[in-house]
C-alpha atoms as a PDB file:
ATOM      1  CA  MET A   1       9.491  27.290 -25.761  1.00  0.00           C
ATOM      2  CA  LYS A   2       9.006  28.037 -22.038  1.00  0.00           C
ATOM      3  CA  LYS A   3       5.392  26.941 -22.311  1.00  0.00           C
ATOM      4  CA  LEU A   4       6.387  23.576 -23.814  1.00  0.00           C
ATOM      5  CA  PHE A   5       8.968  23.061 -21.067  1.00  0.00           C
ATOM      6  CA  PHE A   6       6.420  23.671 -18.293  1.00  0.00           C
ATOM      7  CA  ILE A   7       3.818  21.413 -19.922  1.00  0.00           C
ATOM      8  CA  THR A   8       6.392  18.629 -20.250  1.00  0.00           C
ATOM      9  CA  LEU A   9       7.486  19.135 -16.652  1.00  0.00           C
ATOM     10  CA  ALA A  10       3.869  18.983 -15.441  1.00  0.00           C
ATOM     11  CA  ILE A  11       3.197  15.779 -17.365  1.00  0.00           C
ATOM     12  CA  LEU A  12       6.338  14.128 -16.034  1.00  0.00           C
ATOM     13  CA  SER A  13       5.530  15.154 -12.467  1.00  0.00           C
ATOM     14  CA  LEU A  14       2.039  13.758 -12.771  1.00  0.00           C
ATOM     15  CA  SER A  15       3.284  10.472 -14.227  1.00  0.00           C
ATOM     16  CA  PHE A  16       5.812  10.013 -11.397  1.00  0.00           C
ATOM     17  CA  THR A  17       3.123  10.732  -8.811  1.00  0.00           C
ATOM     18  CA  THR A  18       0.754   8.244 -10.458  1.00  0.00           C
ATOM     19  CA  ALA A  19       3.441   5.567 -10.688  1.00  0.00           C
ATOM     20  CA  LYS A  20       4.292   6.029  -7.011  1.00  0.00           C
ATOM     21  CA  ALA A  21       0.615   5.958  -6.000  1.00  0.00           C
ATOM     22  CA  ASP A  22       0.032   2.400  -7.217  1.00  0.00           C
ATOM     23  CA  ASN A  23       2.071   0.578  -4.598  1.00  0.00           C
ATOM     24  CA  ASP A  24       0.610  -2.893  -3.930  1.00  0.00           C
ATOM     25  CA  ARG A  25       2.484  -5.500  -1.943  1.00  0.00           C
ATOM     26  CA  VAL A  26       1.824  -8.873  -0.414  1.00  0.00           C
ATOM     27  CA  ILE A  27       1.948  -8.862   3.383  1.00  0.00           C
ATOM     28  CA  SER A  28       1.451 -11.433   6.132  1.00  0.00           C
ATOM     29  CA  LYS A  29      -1.990 -11.630   7.706  1.00  0.00           C
ATOM     30  CA  GLU A  30      -0.496 -10.579  11.049  1.00  0.00           C
ATOM     31  CA  LYS A  31       0.052  -7.079   9.598  1.00  0.00           C
ATOM     32  CA  LEU A  32      -3.704  -6.560   9.180  1.00  0.00           C
ATOM     33  CA  PRO A  33      -5.531  -4.322  11.668  1.00  0.00           C
ATOM     34  CA  ALA A  34      -6.785  -6.189  14.749  1.00  0.00           C
ATOM     35  CA  ASN A  35     -10.471  -5.641  13.915  1.00  0.00           C
ATOM     36  CA  THR A  36      -9.876  -7.078  10.425  1.00  0.00           C
ATOM     37  CA  LEU A  37      -8.336 -10.233  11.913  1.00  0.00           C
ATOM     38  CA  GLN A  38     -11.303 -10.503  14.299  1.00  0.00           C
ATOM     39  CA  PHE A  39     -13.765 -10.098  11.398  1.00  0.00           C
ATOM     40  CA  ILE A  40     -12.040 -12.860   9.419  1.00  0.00           C
ATOM     41  CA  SER A  41     -11.920 -15.259  12.370  1.00  0.00           C
ATOM     42  CA  THR A  42     -15.598 -14.594  13.151  1.00  0.00           C
ATOM     43  CA  HIS A  43     -17.082 -14.856   9.648  1.00  0.00           C
ATOM     44  CA  PHE A  44     -14.548 -16.825   7.579  1.00  0.00           C
ATOM     45  CA  ALA A  45     -12.913 -19.142  10.124  1.00  0.00           C
ATOM     46  CA  GLY A  46     -13.211 -22.261   7.976  1.00  0.00           C
ATOM     47  CA  LEU A  47     -11.445 -20.785   4.947  1.00  0.00           C
ATOM     48  CA  LYS A  48      -7.743 -20.873   4.172  1.00  0.00           C
ATOM     49  CA  ILE A  49      -6.081 -17.592   3.204  1.00  0.00           C
ATOM     50  CA  SER A  50      -4.269 -17.663  -0.122  1.00  0.00           C
ATOM     51  CA  TYR A  51      -2.680 -14.224   0.224  1.00  0.00           C
ATOM     52  CA  VAL A  52      -3.073 -10.786   1.805  1.00  0.00           C
ATOM     53  CA  LYS A  53      -2.263  -7.638  -0.110  1.00  0.00           C
ATOM     54  CA  GLU A  54      -1.824  -4.062   1.013  1.00  0.00           C
ATOM     55  CA  GLU A  55      -2.936  -1.620  -1.667  1.00  0.00           C
ATOM     56  CA  ARG A  56      -1.683   1.943  -1.414  1.00  0.00           C
ATOM     57  CA  ASP A  57      -3.041   4.692  -3.590  1.00  0.00           C
ATOM     58  CA  LEU A  58      -2.174   8.335  -3.483  1.00  0.00           C
ATOM     59  CA  PHE A  59      -4.459   9.158  -0.555  1.00  0.00           C
ATOM     60  CA  GLU A  60      -5.629   5.847   0.867  1.00  0.00           C
ATOM     61  CA  LYS A  61      -4.562   2.398   1.938  1.00  0.00           C
ATOM     62  CA  ASN A  62      -6.707  -0.738   1.640  1.00  0.00           C
ATOM     63  CA  TYR A  63      -6.210  -4.389   2.403  1.00  0.00           C
ATOM     64  CA  GLN A  64      -7.334  -7.293   0.241  1.00  0.00           C
ATOM     65  CA  VAL A  65      -7.622 -10.825   1.589  1.00  0.00           C
ATOM     66  CA  VAL A  66      -8.062 -13.660  -0.910  1.00  0.00           C
ATOM     67  CA  PHE A  67      -8.989 -17.168   0.186  1.00  0.00           C
ATOM     68  CA  THR A  68      -8.166 -20.400  -1.656  1.00  0.00           C
ATOM     69  CA  ASP A  69     -11.848 -20.890  -2.618  1.00  0.00           C
ATOM     70  CA  GLY A  70     -11.868 -17.554  -4.498  1.00  0.00           C
ATOM     71  CA  THR A  71     -13.573 -15.479  -1.798  1.00  0.00           C
ATOM     72  CA  LYS A  72     -12.200 -11.927  -1.691  1.00  0.00           C
ATOM     73  CA  LEU A  73     -12.487  -9.405   1.113  1.00  0.00           C
ATOM     74  CA  GLU A  74     -11.458  -5.773   0.936  1.00  0.00           C
ATOM     75  CA  PHE A  75     -10.925  -3.607   3.996  1.00  0.00           C
ATOM     76  CA  GLN A  76     -10.307   0.080   4.544  1.00  0.00           C
ATOM     77  CA  ARG A  77      -7.260   1.411   6.356  1.00  0.00           C
ATOM     78  CA  ASN A  78      -9.162   1.399   9.666  1.00  0.00           C
ATOM     79  CA  GLY A  79      -9.982  -2.304   9.263  1.00  0.00           C
ATOM     80  CA  GLU A  80     -13.662  -1.879   8.401  1.00  0.00           C
ATOM     81  CA  TRP A  81     -14.885  -4.105   5.573  1.00  0.00           C
ATOM     82  CA  LYS A  82     -15.438  -2.424   2.250  1.00  0.00           C
ATOM     83  CA  GLU A  83     -16.287  -5.294  -0.107  1.00  0.00           C
ATOM     84  CA  ILE A  84     -17.047  -8.986   0.267  1.00  0.00           C
ATOM     85  CA  ASP A  85     -17.117 -11.183  -2.819  1.00  0.00           C
ATOM     86  CA  CYS A  86     -18.091 -14.826  -2.254  1.00  0.00           C
ATOM     87  CA  ARG A  87     -18.041 -16.089  -5.817  1.00  0.00           C
ATOM     88  CA  TYR A  88     -19.019 -19.684  -5.160  1.00  0.00           C
ATOM     89  CA  SER A  89     -20.872 -19.383  -1.872  1.00  0.00           C
ATOM     90  CA  GLN A  90     -22.915 -16.723  -0.134  1.00  0.00           C
ATOM     91  CA  VAL A  91     -22.007 -13.773   2.035  1.00  0.00           C
ATOM     92  CA  PRO A  92     -22.421 -14.728   5.712  1.00  0.00           C
ATOM     93  CA  ALA A  93     -25.830 -13.510   6.865  1.00  0.00           C
ATOM     94  CA  ALA A  94     -24.414 -11.812   9.965  1.00  0.00           C
ATOM     95  CA  ILE A  95     -22.554  -9.319   7.756  1.00  0.00           C
ATOM     96  CA  ILE A  96     -25.584  -8.180   5.761  1.00  0.00           C
ATOM     97  CA  PRO A  97     -27.573  -5.349   7.396  1.00  0.00           C
ATOM     98  CA  GLU A  98     -31.013  -6.489   8.606  1.00  0.00           C
ATOM     99  CA  ALA A  99     -32.962  -4.129   6.331  1.00  0.00           C
ATOM    100  CA  ILE A 100     -31.175  -5.489   3.247  1.00  0.00           C
ATOM    101  CA  LYS A 101     -31.719  -9.105   4.350  1.00  0.00           C
ATOM    102  CA  LYS A 102     -35.416  -8.367   4.838  1.00  0.00           C
ATOM    103  CA  TYR A 103     -35.763  -6.730   1.407  1.00  0.00           C
ATOM    104  CA  VAL A 104     -33.995  -9.601  -0.352  1.00  0.00           C
ATOM    105  CA  SER A 105     -35.985 -12.292   1.480  1.00  0.00           C
ATOM    106  CA  GLU A 106     -39.299 -10.551   0.650  1.00  0.00           C
ATOM    107  CA  HIS A 107     -38.571  -9.796  -3.016  1.00  0.00           C
ATOM    108  CA  TYR A 108     -36.087 -12.539  -3.984  1.00  0.00           C
ATOM    109  CA  PRO A 109     -36.672 -15.401  -1.521  1.00  0.00           C
ATOM    110  CA  ASN A 110     -34.801 -18.030  -3.573  1.00  0.00           C
ATOM    111  CA  GLU A 111     -31.683 -15.959  -4.212  1.00  0.00           C
ATOM    112  CA  LYS A 112     -28.404 -15.772  -2.325  1.00  0.00           C
ATOM    113  CA  CYS A 113     -26.244 -12.742  -1.730  1.00  0.00           C
ATOM    114  CA  LEU A 114     -22.900 -13.390  -3.461  1.00  0.00           C
ATOM    115  CA  GLN A 115     -21.336  -9.967  -3.077  1.00  0.00           C
ATOM    116  CA  ILE A 116     -21.821  -6.862  -0.955  1.00  0.00           C
ATOM    117  CA  ASP A 117     -19.920  -3.619  -0.818  1.00  0.00           C
ATOM    118  CA  HIS A 118     -20.445  -0.252   0.754  1.00  0.00           C
ATOM    119  CA  ASP A 119     -19.000   3.219   0.754  1.00  0.00           C
ATOM    120  CA  ARG A 120     -20.020   6.558   2.213  1.00  0.00           C
ATOM    121  CA  ASN A 121     -23.133   6.794   0.044  1.00  0.00           C
ATOM    122  CA  ASP A 122     -24.614   3.361  -0.500  1.00  0.00           C
ATOM    123  CA  TYR A 123     -24.616  -0.424  -0.269  1.00  0.00           C
ATOM    124  CA  GLU A 124     -24.504  -2.609  -3.369  1.00  0.00           C
ATOM    125  CA  VAL A 125     -25.582  -6.239  -3.291  1.00  0.00           C
ATOM    126  CA  LYS A 126     -25.166  -8.793  -6.063  1.00  0.00           C
ATOM    127  CA  LEU A 127     -27.566 -11.734  -5.991  1.00  0.00           C
ATOM    128  CA  SER A 128     -27.225 -15.245  -7.406  1.00  0.00           C
ATOM    129  CA  ASN A 129     -29.682 -14.339 -10.207  1.00  0.00           C
ATOM    130  CA  ARG A 130     -27.160 -11.654 -11.294  1.00  0.00           C
ATOM    131  CA  LEU A 131     -29.308  -8.724 -10.146  1.00  0.00           C
ATOM    132  CA  GLU A 132     -27.439  -5.874  -8.499  1.00  0.00           C
ATOM    133  CA  LEU A 133     -29.379  -3.972  -5.862  1.00  0.00           C
ATOM    134  CA  THR A 134     -28.289  -0.561  -4.620  1.00  0.00           C
ATOM    135  CA  PHE A 135     -29.462   0.817  -1.282  1.00  0.00           C
ATOM    136  CA  ASP A 136     -28.887   4.256   0.174  1.00  0.00           C
ATOM    137  CA  LYS A 137     -27.492   4.692   3.695  1.00  0.00           C
ATOM    138  CA  LYS A 138     -31.021   4.470   5.118  1.00  0.00           C
ATOM    139  CA  PHE A 139     -31.445   1.117   3.306  1.00  0.00           C
ATOM    140  CA  ASN A 140     -33.994   2.372   0.782  1.00  0.00           C
ATOM    141  CA  ILE A 141     -33.691   0.635  -2.576  1.00  0.00           C
ATOM    142  CA  ILE A 142     -32.456   3.182  -5.112  1.00  0.00           C
ATOM    143  CA  ASP A 143     -31.470   1.035  -8.099  1.00  0.00           C
ATOM    144  CA  ILE A 144     -31.868  -2.441  -9.553  1.00  0.00           C
ATOM    145  CA  ASP A 145     -29.505  -3.401 -12.329  1.00  0.00           C
ATOM    146  CA  ASP A 146     -29.560  -6.640 -14.303  1.00  0.00           C
END
């Protein structure tokens, strides 16, 4: 009986923690970190923001900016970009690291970069031909997925 009580208590505690961890809310763009606002004004000045959302998980906080044309940007807590998804246009060239631009222009000269994201380990790029390229931190190609 004691065992069942402790298992139930553990499950309930975990469910409350999980429910509390998913805490997303819409915020004004002025509440974004200064470097995020600078990034948006530099690379996406001509686009109108639809909404800005703060996403809180158990151990991290991210920001998502969605524009009226469907472009989505995701930023880490420190304001550094994490993911850029330009569904109907291309990722601004100034954002893409030079080594990735060079690889794409040499191997896929007619394709556009529609999405790019990065984390501690790699960069992932989605091209207009639906190929997904993965690069390590030294910009060596490590995977091509179709």
